[in-house]
């Protein structure tokens, strides 16, 4: 069985992957912005400001780690994004069936 690091991505698959990646990122950022607006509107004092700062720092760290565009990581990234609800397998239609089956299997394992 071929390892994920050995999978080759065609130029068409790269376009599909980039579109799906960008879609998930945009959706998650939109949700983050709304969450920040909600939290900011509830700020009553200094402690709330620092709590919001800590929240944003943690989310930035999480998002920077999650959205890894390296081809060797995409199978895992897409599996995570599907499991979290930011993507569906339909968003990846057009990828090689081997890649899709790996992503699908990982969503059930994670």
Protein backbone atom coordinates (compact mmCIF):
# COMPACT_ATOMS: atom_id res chain seq x y z
CA UNK A 1 0.00 0.00 0.00
CA UNK A 2 1.28 3.45 -0.92
CA UNK A 3 2.15 5.79 1.97
CA UNK A 4 0.49 9.21 2.08
CA UNK A 5 3.88 10.89 1.64
CA UNK A 6 4.30 8.97 -1.63
CA UNK A 7 0.97 10.07 -3.12
CA UNK A 8 1.34 12.19 -6.22
CA UNK A 9 -1.09 15.04 -6.80
CA UNK A 10 -1.99 15.92 -10.37
CA UNK A 11 -2.41 19.58 -11.31
CA UNK A 12 -6.20 19.05 -11.41
CA UNK A 13 -6.13 17.49 -7.94
CA UNK A 14 -4.02 20.37 -6.68
CA UNK A 15 -6.72 22.80 -7.89
CA UNK A 16 -9.47 20.74 -6.22
CA UNK A 17 -7.46 20.51 -3.01
CA UNK A 18 -6.70 24.25 -2.98
CA UNK A 19 -10.38 25.13 -3.51
CA UNK A 20 -11.49 22.78 -0.71
CA UNK A 21 -8.72 24.00 1.58
CA UNK A 22 -9.67 27.65 0.98
CA UNK A 23 -13.38 26.91 1.46
CA UNK A 24 -12.81 25.26 4.84
CA UNK A 25 -10.43 27.98 5.99
CA UNK A 26 -12.85 30.75 4.99
CA UNK A 27 -15.73 29.04 6.81
CA UNK A 28 -13.71 28.49 9.95
CA UNK A 29 -12.41 32.07 9.94
CA UNK A 30 -15.94 33.39 9.45
CA UNK A 31 -17.08 31.36 12.47
CA UNK A 32 -14.09 32.64 14.46
CA UNK A 33 -14.88 36.26 13.58
CA UNK A 34 -18.47 35.83 14.70
CA UNK A 35 -17.31 34.21 17.93
CA UNK A 36 -14.89 37.08 18.57
CA UNK A 37 -17.66 39.62 17.95
CA UNK A 38 -19.87 37.80 20.44
CA UNK A 39 -17.11 37.63 23.04
CA UNK A 40 -16.06 41.24 22.48
CA UNK A 41 -19.61 42.49 22.97
CA UNK A 42 -19.63 40.81 26.39
CA UNK A 43 -16.42 42.46 27.63
CA UNK A 44 -17.05 44.05 30.99
CA UNK A 45 -13.54 44.58 32.27
CA UNK A 46 -9.83 44.07 31.93
CA UNK A 47 -9.99 40.36 32.75
CA UNK A 48 -12.38 39.82 29.84
CA UNK A 49 -9.93 41.57 27.48
CA UNK A 50 -7.10 39.24 28.54
CA UNK A 51 -9.38 36.23 28.27
CA UNK A 52 -10.24 37.23 24.70
CA UNK A 53 -6.55 37.73 23.96
CA UNK A 54 -5.73 34.26 25.29
CA UNK A 55 -8.58 32.76 23.26
CA UNK A 56 -7.33 34.43 20.07
CA UNK A 57 -3.73 33.35 20.70
CA UNK A 58 -4.81 29.75 21.20
CA UNK A 59 -7.05 29.76 18.11
CA UNK A 60 -4.29 31.26 15.97
CA UNK A 61 -1.88 28.56 17.11
CA UNK A 62 -4.49 25.87 16.43
CA UNK A 63 -5.38 27.20 12.97
CA UNK A 64 -1.76 27.69 11.94
CA UNK A 65 -1.11 24.05 12.78
CA UNK A 66 -4.31 22.69 11.29
CA UNK A 67 -4.14 24.29 7.85
CA UNK A 68 -0.99 22.59 6.57
CA UNK A 69 -0.85 22.89 2.78
CA UNK A 70 1.97 20.41 2.24
CA UNK A 71 0.85 17.65 -0.11
CA UNK A 72 2.17 15.04 2.31
CA UNK A 73 -0.22 16.35 4.98
CA UNK A 74 -3.35 17.02 2.92
CA UNK A 75 -4.91 13.58 3.42
CA UNK A 76 -4.82 14.13 7.19
CA UNK A 77 -5.85 17.79 6.96
CA UNK A 78 -8.88 16.93 4.85
CA UNK A 79 -9.87 14.08 7.16
CA UNK A 80 -9.75 16.48 10.14
CA UNK A 81 -11.73 19.15 8.28
CA UNK A 82 -14.41 16.65 7.30
CA UNK A 83 -14.64 15.29 10.81
CA UNK A 84 -14.98 18.83 12.19
CA UNK A 85 -17.69 19.69 9.64
CA UNK A 86 -15.78 22.30 7.63
CA UNK A 87 -15.74 20.08 4.51
CA UNK A 88 -17.53 17.08 3.09
CA UNK A 89 -16.23 14.34 0.81
CA UNK A 90 -18.27 15.99 -1.94
CA UNK A 91 -15.98 19.03 -1.69
CA UNK A 92 -13.13 16.73 -2.73
CA UNK A 93 -14.89 15.19 -5.73
CA UNK A 94 -12.41 14.68 -8.53
CA UNK A 95 -9.55 13.49 -6.36
CA UNK A 96 -8.11 10.07 -7.06
CA UNK A 97 -10.30 7.32 -5.53
CA UNK A 98 -7.31 6.08 -3.48
CA UNK A 99 -6.94 9.49 -1.86
CA UNK A 100 -10.67 9.72 -1.20
CA UNK A 101 -10.74 6.28 0.39
CA UNK A 102 -7.79 7.18 2.63
CA UNK A 103 -9.48 10.40 3.70
CA UNK A 104 -12.76 8.58 4.30
CA UNK A 105 -11.06 5.87 6.36
CA UNK A 106 -9.22 8.45 8.47
CA UNK A 107 -12.44 10.28 9.27
CA UNK A 108 -13.75 7.11 10.86
CA UNK A 109 -10.52 6.44 12.79
CA UNK A 110 -9.80 9.85 14.22
